[in-house]
Amino acid sequence: MMKQIRIFILLAISMIGSSAYSADIPSLKKLFTKNFNNYYQQRFCGRNIIRFLEEAKERNIDLSNSYVLKVVGGGFLETSGFYTRGNINEREMLGYFHMILVADDMVFDFDLNESLVLEKEDYIRLQFTPPHEPYFVFGINYSAKGSPGNWNITAFDRKDYTNGDETTLWKMKMKKYINIENMLKRVRVR
């Protein structure tokens, strides 16, 4: 009986502890939606994220369990987006890299066509994979399975990022960050 009580207490403490380290997603969503156009500056995804983080900090919104993610596409087509502002379901070059905020596996991206806050798999499916296959760009077959799976991603400490420092938390290939096969089974949300 004592063993069961100890296990129950440990489970209760771990559940309390895990919720203490979560971002305030409802408040972040509200701030993001309200300022989706106000914080946006074309071709400055990093600055857009800094502005968003600074305002969240100013409003005392909990940003625990969040980081800034740098996505670097590969090769000639660089970092391609497929649900960008004004260019829905068509390939748009986001640049050599793209910066987003990830909080509790929810993605905040000011370059999306609308103020959607999506789970990272749904976000990657919508923004970085074509709406159908085959999908050709300049005669190149743009495969959802190969791109973005081989892209490089780097997570930066969000606190340092707002001060202009890119303190690396970790680096990996996209296919290590998410399960590409499972992501491709998801229906694109738009």
C-alpha atoms as a PDB file:
ATOM      1  CA  MET A   1       0.000   0.000   0.000  1.00  0.00           C
ATOM      2  CA  MET A   2       2.825   2.438   0.884  1.00  0.00           C
ATOM      3  CA  LYS A   3       4.477   1.665  -2.448  1.00  0.00           C
ATOM      4  CA  GLN A   4       1.278   2.617  -4.298  1.00  0.00           C
ATOM      5  CA  ILE A   5       1.027   5.889  -2.372  1.00  0.00           C
ATOM      6  CA  ARG A   6       4.645   6.748  -3.212  1.00  0.00           C
ATOM      7  CA  ILE A   7       4.037   6.028  -6.899  1.00  0.00           C
ATOM      8  CA  PHE A   8       0.900   8.181  -6.861  1.00  0.00           C
ATOM      9  CA  ILE A   9       2.786  11.068  -5.213  1.00  0.00           C
ATOM     10  CA  LEU A  10       5.657  10.804  -7.726  1.00  0.00           C
ATOM     11  CA  LEU A  11       3.202  10.797 -10.647  1.00  0.00           C
ATOM     12  CA  ALA A  12       1.358  13.808  -9.238  1.00  0.00           C
ATOM     13  CA  ILE A  13       4.603  15.738  -8.766  1.00  0.00           C
ATOM     14  CA  SER A  14       5.811  14.901 -12.276  1.00  0.00           C
ATOM     15  CA  MET A  15       2.490  16.041 -13.768  1.00  0.00           C
ATOM     16  CA  ILE A  16       2.627  19.328 -11.855  1.00  0.00           C
ATOM     17  CA  GLY A  17       6.258  19.804 -12.823  1.00  0.00           C
ATOM     18  CA  SER A  18       5.653  19.179 -16.521  1.00  0.00           C
ATOM     19  CA  SER A  19       2.816  21.722 -16.715  1.00  0.00           C
ATOM     20  CA  ALA A  20       4.969  24.296 -14.938  1.00  0.00           C
ATOM     21  CA  TYR A  21       7.297  24.312 -17.943  1.00  0.00           C
ATOM     22  CA  SER A  22       4.801  24.979 -20.705  1.00  0.00           C
ATOM     23  CA  ALA A  23       4.311  28.067 -22.789  1.00  0.00           C
ATOM     24  CA  ASP A  24       1.079  30.017 -22.527  1.00  0.00           C
ATOM     25  CA  ILE A  25      -0.158  28.978 -25.965  1.00  0.00           C
ATOM     26  CA  PRO A  26      -3.613  30.644 -25.739  1.00  0.00           C
ATOM     27  CA  SER A  27      -2.022  34.036 -24.937  1.00  0.00           C
ATOM     28  CA  LEU A  28       0.655  33.585 -27.603  1.00  0.00           C
ATOM     29  CA  LYS A  29      -2.019  32.693 -30.195  1.00  0.00           C
ATOM     30  CA  LYS A  30      -4.037  35.768 -29.261  1.00  0.00           C
ATOM     31  CA  LEU A  31      -0.982  38.039 -29.539  1.00  0.00           C
ATOM     32  CA  PHE A  32       0.060  36.412 -32.817  1.00  0.00           C
ATOM     33  CA  THR A  33      -3.392  36.665 -34.401  1.00  0.00           C
ATOM     34  CA  LYS A  34      -3.943  40.252 -33.280  1.00  0.00           C
ATOM     35  CA  ASN A  35      -0.543  41.413 -34.570  1.00  0.00           C
ATOM     36  CA  PHE A  36      -0.054  39.121 -37.548  1.00  0.00           C
ATOM     37  CA  ASN A  37       0.192  42.075 -39.927  1.00  0.00           C
ATOM     38  CA  ASN A  38       1.587  44.615 -37.450  1.00  0.00           C
ATOM     39  CA  TYR A  39       4.737  42.615 -36.654  1.00  0.00           C
ATOM     40  CA  TYR A  40       5.335  41.516 -40.238  1.00  0.00           C
ATOM     41  CA  GLN A  41       8.099  42.905 -42.388  1.00  0.00           C
ATOM     42  CA  GLN A  42       8.698  41.101 -45.662  1.00  0.00           C
ATOM     43  CA  ARG A  43      12.068  39.309 -45.952  1.00  0.00           C
ATOM     44  CA  PHE A  44      12.839  39.868 -42.242  1.00  0.00           C
ATOM     45  CA  CYS A  45      11.526  36.686 -40.623  1.00  0.00           C
ATOM     46  CA  GLY A  46      14.103  36.887 -37.832  1.00  0.00           C
ATOM     47  CA  ARG A  47      13.127  40.447 -36.922  1.00  0.00           C
ATOM     48  CA  ASN A  48       9.455  39.480 -37.002  1.00  0.00           C
ATOM     49  CA  ILE A  49      10.119  36.729 -34.444  1.00  0.00           C
ATOM     50  CA  ILE A  50      12.179  39.088 -32.257  1.00  0.00           C
ATOM     51  CA  ARG A  51       9.362  41.645 -32.256  1.00  0.00           C
ATOM     52  CA  PHE A  52       6.885  38.925 -31.303  1.00  0.00           C
ATOM     53  CA  LEU A  53       9.116  37.588 -28.498  1.00  0.00           C
ATOM     54  CA  GLU A  54       9.749  41.072 -27.110  1.00  0.00           C
ATOM     55  CA  GLU A  55       6.042  41.859 -26.996  1.00  0.00           C
ATOM     56  CA  ALA A  56       5.256  38.506 -25.364  1.00  0.00           C
ATOM     57  CA  LYS A  57       7.905  39.213 -22.734  1.00  0.00           C
ATOM     58  CA  GLU A  58       6.527  42.736 -22.201  1.00  0.00           C
ATOM     59  CA  ARG A  59       3.083  41.215 -21.570  1.00  0.00           C
ATOM     60  CA  ASN A  60       4.534  38.572 -19.228  1.00  0.00           C
ATOM     61  CA  ILE A  61       3.387  35.722 -21.446  1.00  0.00           C
ATOM     62  CA  ASP A  62       5.049  32.477 -20.433  1.00  0.00           C
ATOM     63  CA  LEU A  63       7.484  31.370 -23.125  1.00  0.00           C
ATOM     64  CA  SER A  64       8.762  28.257 -21.356  1.00  0.00           C
ATOM     65  CA  ASN A  65       9.553  25.327 -23.630  1.00  0.00           C
ATOM     66  CA  SER A  66      10.009  27.559 -26.685  1.00  0.00           C
ATOM     67  CA  TYR A  67      12.866  28.200 -29.079  1.00  0.00           C
ATOM     68  CA  VAL A  68      13.600  29.979 -32.341  1.00  0.00           C
ATOM     69  CA  LEU A  69      14.047  27.551 -35.219  1.00  0.00           C
ATOM     70  CA  LYS A  70      16.161  28.261 -38.278  1.00  0.00           C
ATOM     71  CA  VAL A  71      15.186  26.202 -41.328  1.00  0.00           C
ATOM     72  CA  VAL A  72      17.759  25.988 -44.123  1.00  0.00           C
ATOM     73  CA  GLY A  73      16.599  24.539 -47.422  1.00  0.00           C
ATOM     74  CA  GLY A  74      18.943  22.722 -49.720  1.00  0.00           C
ATOM     75  CA  GLY A  75      20.352  23.326 -53.143  1.00  0.00           C
ATOM     76  CA  PHE A  76      19.159  25.492 -55.995  1.00  0.00           C
ATOM     77  CA  LEU A  77      15.574  25.871 -54.743  1.00  0.00           C
ATOM     78  CA  GLU A  78      16.717  27.036 -51.288  1.00  0.00           C
ATOM     79  CA  THR A  79      14.042  27.333 -48.594  1.00  0.00           C
ATOM     80  CA  SER A  80      10.735  27.063 -50.420  1.00  0.00           C
ATOM     81  CA  GLY A  81       7.349  27.857 -48.903  1.00  0.00           C
ATOM     82  CA  PHE A  82       4.001  26.740 -50.302  1.00  0.00           C
ATOM     83  CA  TYR A  83       1.524  28.677 -48.159  1.00  0.00           C
ATOM     84  CA  THR A  84       3.031  32.143 -48.079  1.00  0.00           C
ATOM     85  CA  ARG A  85       1.370  35.536 -48.018  1.00  0.00           C
ATOM     86  CA  GLY A  86      -0.387  36.063 -51.318  1.00  0.00           C
ATOM     87  CA  ASN A  87       1.002  32.917 -52.928  1.00  0.00           C
ATOM     88  CA  ILE A  88      -1.148  30.014 -51.802  1.00  0.00           C
ATOM     89  CA  ASN A  89      -0.152  26.515 -52.952  1.00  0.00           C
ATOM     90  CA  GLU A  90       2.572  27.834 -55.236  1.00  0.00           C
ATOM     91  CA  ARG A  91       6.288  27.685 -54.519  1.00  0.00           C
ATOM     92  CA  GLU A  92       7.720  30.891 -53.078  1.00  0.00           C
ATOM     93  CA  MET A  93      11.363  31.323 -52.172  1.00  0.00           C
ATOM     94  CA  LEU A  94      11.599  32.313 -48.509  1.00  0.00           C
ATOM     95  CA  GLY A  95      15.362  32.873 -48.838  1.00  0.00           C
ATOM     96  CA  TYR A  96      18.458  30.935 -47.898  1.00  0.00           C
ATOM     97  CA  PHE A  97      16.851  30.251 -44.511  1.00  0.00           C
ATOM     98  CA  HIS A  98      13.625  30.873 -42.620  1.00  0.00           C
ATOM     99  CA  MET A  99      13.056  31.688 -38.917  1.00  0.00           C
ATOM    100  CA  ILE A 100      10.023  30.630 -36.868  1.00  0.00           C
ATOM    101  CA  LEU A 101       9.085  30.351 -33.210  1.00  0.00           C
ATOM    102  CA  VAL A 102       8.226  26.930 -31.794  1.00  0.00           C
ATOM    103  CA  ALA A 103       6.490  26.787 -28.402  1.00  0.00           C
ATOM    104  CA  ASP A 104       5.309  23.439 -27.031  1.00  0.00           C
ATOM    105  CA  ASP A 105       5.560  22.049 -30.589  1.00  0.00           C
ATOM    106  CA  MET A 106       3.238  24.772 -31.925  1.00  0.00           C
ATOM    107  CA  VAL A 107       4.647  26.955 -34.732  1.00  0.00           C
ATOM    108  CA  PHE A 108       4.334  30.731 -35.126  1.00  0.00           C
ATOM    109  CA  ASP A 109       5.318  31.945 -38.615  1.00  0.00           C
ATOM    110  CA  PHE A 110       4.558  35.458 -39.859  1.00  0.00           C
ATOM    111  CA  ASP A 111       5.157  34.410 -43.475  1.00  0.00           C
ATOM    112  CA  LEU A 112       2.171  32.077 -43.625  1.00  0.00           C
ATOM    113  CA  ASN A 113      -0.717  33.316 -45.744  1.00  0.00           C
ATOM    114  CA  GLU A 114      -2.873  33.626 -42.626  1.00  0.00           C
ATOM    115  CA  SER A 115      -2.384  33.658 -38.868  1.00  0.00           C
ATOM    116  CA  LEU A 116      -2.479  29.904 -38.346  1.00  0.00           C
ATOM    117  CA  VAL A 117      -0.816  28.349 -35.302  1.00  0.00           C
ATOM    118  CA  LEU A 118      -0.176  24.712 -36.117  1.00  0.00           C
ATOM    119  CA  GLU A 119       1.506  21.669 -34.636  1.00  0.00           C
ATOM    120  CA  LYS A 120       4.980  21.381 -36.120  1.00  0.00           C
ATOM    121  CA  GLU A 121       4.076  18.419 -38.370  1.00  0.00           C
ATOM    122  CA  ASP A 122       1.004  20.182 -39.787  1.00  0.00           C
ATOM    123  CA  TYR A 123       3.026  23.369 -40.241  1.00  0.00           C
ATOM    124  CA  ILE A 124       5.843  21.622 -42.120  1.00  0.00           C
ATOM    125  CA  ARG A 125       3.305  19.782 -44.265  1.00  0.00           C
ATOM    126  CA  LEU A 126       1.554  23.035 -45.192  1.00  0.00           C
ATOM    127  CA  GLN A 127       4.475  25.424 -45.577  1.00  0.00           C
ATOM    128  CA  PHE A 128       7.332  23.253 -46.855  1.00  0.00           C
ATOM    129  CA  THR A 129       5.690  20.607 -49.028  1.00  0.00           C
ATOM    130  CA  PRO A 130       3.850  21.071 -52.323  1.00  0.00           C
ATOM    131  CA  PRO A 131       0.050  20.783 -52.430  1.00  0.00           C
ATOM    132  CA  HIS A 132       0.254  17.864 -54.875  1.00  0.00           C
ATOM    133  CA  GLU A 133       2.758  15.586 -56.543  1.00  0.00           C
ATOM    134  CA  PRO A 134       4.353  15.528 -58.934  1.00  0.00           C
ATOM    135  CA  TYR A 135       5.204  19.201 -58.484  1.00  0.00           C
ATOM    136  CA  PHE A 136       7.760  20.709 -60.845  1.00  0.00           C
ATOM    137  CA  VAL A 137       9.809  23.847 -60.238  1.00  0.00           C
ATOM    138  CA  PHE A 138      11.984  24.948 -63.158  1.00  0.00           C
ATOM    139  CA  GLY A 139      11.679  21.387 -64.527  1.00  0.00           C
ATOM    140  CA  ILE A 140      12.847  19.879 -61.214  1.00  0.00           C
ATOM    141  CA  ASN A 141      10.524  17.378 -59.534  1.00  0.00           C
ATOM    142  CA  TYR A 142      10.064  18.834 -56.056  1.00  0.00           C
ATOM    143  CA  SER A 143       9.433  15.786 -53.866  1.00  0.00           C
ATOM    144  CA  ALA A 144       7.701  16.236 -50.518  1.00  0.00           C
ATOM    145  CA  LYS A 145       9.567  13.203 -49.215  1.00  0.00           C
ATOM    146  CA  GLY A 146      13.071  14.437 -50.061  1.00  0.00           C
ATOM    147  CA  SER A 147      12.428  18.107 -49.478  1.00  0.00           C
ATOM    148  CA  PRO A 148      12.289  19.196 -46.686  1.00  0.00           C
ATOM    149  CA  GLY A 149      13.488  15.939 -45.078  1.00  0.00           C
ATOM    150  CA  ASN A 150      17.124  16.685 -45.908  1.00  0.00           C
ATOM    151  CA  TRP A 151      17.005  20.329 -44.860  1.00  0.00           C
ATOM    152  CA  ASN A 152      19.053  21.492 -41.884  1.00  0.00           C
ATOM    153  CA  ILE A 153      17.433  22.975 -38.809  1.00  0.00           C
ATOM    154  CA  THR A 154      18.991  24.756 -35.847  1.00  0.00           C
ATOM    155  CA  ALA A 155      17.255  25.658 -32.593  1.00  0.00           C
ATOM    156  CA  PHE A 156      18.337  28.868 -30.858  1.00  0.00           C
ATOM    157  CA  ASP A 157      17.777  29.976 -27.292  1.00  0.00           C
ATOM    158  CA  ARG A 158      14.856  32.431 -27.497  1.00  0.00           C
ATOM    159  CA  LYS A 159      16.162  34.707 -24.722  1.00  0.00           C
ATOM    160  CA  ASP A 160      19.534  35.182 -26.374  1.00  0.00           C
ATOM    161  CA  TYR A 161      17.955  35.507 -29.824  1.00  0.00           C
ATOM    162  CA  THR A 162      16.090  38.664 -28.794  1.00  0.00           C
ATOM    163  CA  ASN A 163      19.488  40.146 -27.844  1.00  0.00           C
ATOM    164  CA  GLY A 164      20.951  39.348 -31.249  1.00  0.00           C
ATOM    165  CA  ASP A 165      22.823  36.234 -30.105  1.00  0.00           C
ATOM    166  CA  GLU A 166      22.242  32.935 -31.853  1.00  0.00           C
ATOM    167  CA  THR A 167      23.005  30.539 -29.017  1.00  0.00           C
ATOM    168  CA  THR A 168      22.606  27.079 -30.535  1.00  0.00           C
ATOM    169  CA  LEU A 169      20.596  24.559 -28.533  1.00  0.00           C
ATOM    170  CA  TRP A 170      20.862  21.787 -31.137  1.00  0.00           C
ATOM    171  CA  LYS A 171      21.211  21.080 -34.885  1.00  0.00           C
ATOM    172  CA  MET A 172      19.825  18.252 -36.981  1.00  0.00           C
ATOM    173  CA  LYS A 173      18.210  17.272 -40.262  1.00  0.00           C
ATOM    174  CA  MET A 174      14.482  17.881 -40.591  1.00  0.00           C
ATOM    175  CA  LYS A 175      13.881  14.123 -40.911  1.00  0.00           C
ATOM    176  CA  LYS A 176      15.306  13.679 -37.395  1.00  0.00           C
ATOM    177  CA  TYR A 177      13.099  16.482 -36.035  1.00  0.00           C
ATOM    178  CA  ILE A 178       9.855  14.981 -37.323  1.00  0.00           C
ATOM    179  CA  ASN A 179       8.825  11.677 -38.848  1.00  0.00           C
ATOM    180  CA  ILE A 180       8.563  12.577 -42.548  1.00  0.00           C
ATOM    181  CA  GLU A 181       6.449   9.526 -43.426  1.00  0.00           C
ATOM    182  CA  ASN A 182       3.878  10.360 -40.725  1.00  0.00           C
ATOM    183  CA  MET A 183       3.910  14.037 -41.683  1.00  0.00           C
ATOM    184  CA  LEU A 184       3.162  13.162 -45.309  1.00  0.00           C
ATOM    185  CA  LYS A 185       0.159  11.088 -44.216  1.00  0.00           C
ATOM    186  CA  ARG A 186      -1.414  14.204 -42.743  1.00  0.00           C
ATOM    187  CA  VAL A 187      -3.896  16.077 -44.856  1.00  0.00           C
ATOM    188  CA  ARG A 188      -2.753  19.628 -45.577  1.00  0.00           C
ATOM    189  CA  VAL A 189      -4.844  21.914 -43.381  1.00  0.00           C
ATOM    190  CA  ARG A 190      -5.469  24.298 -46.288  1.00  0.00           C
END
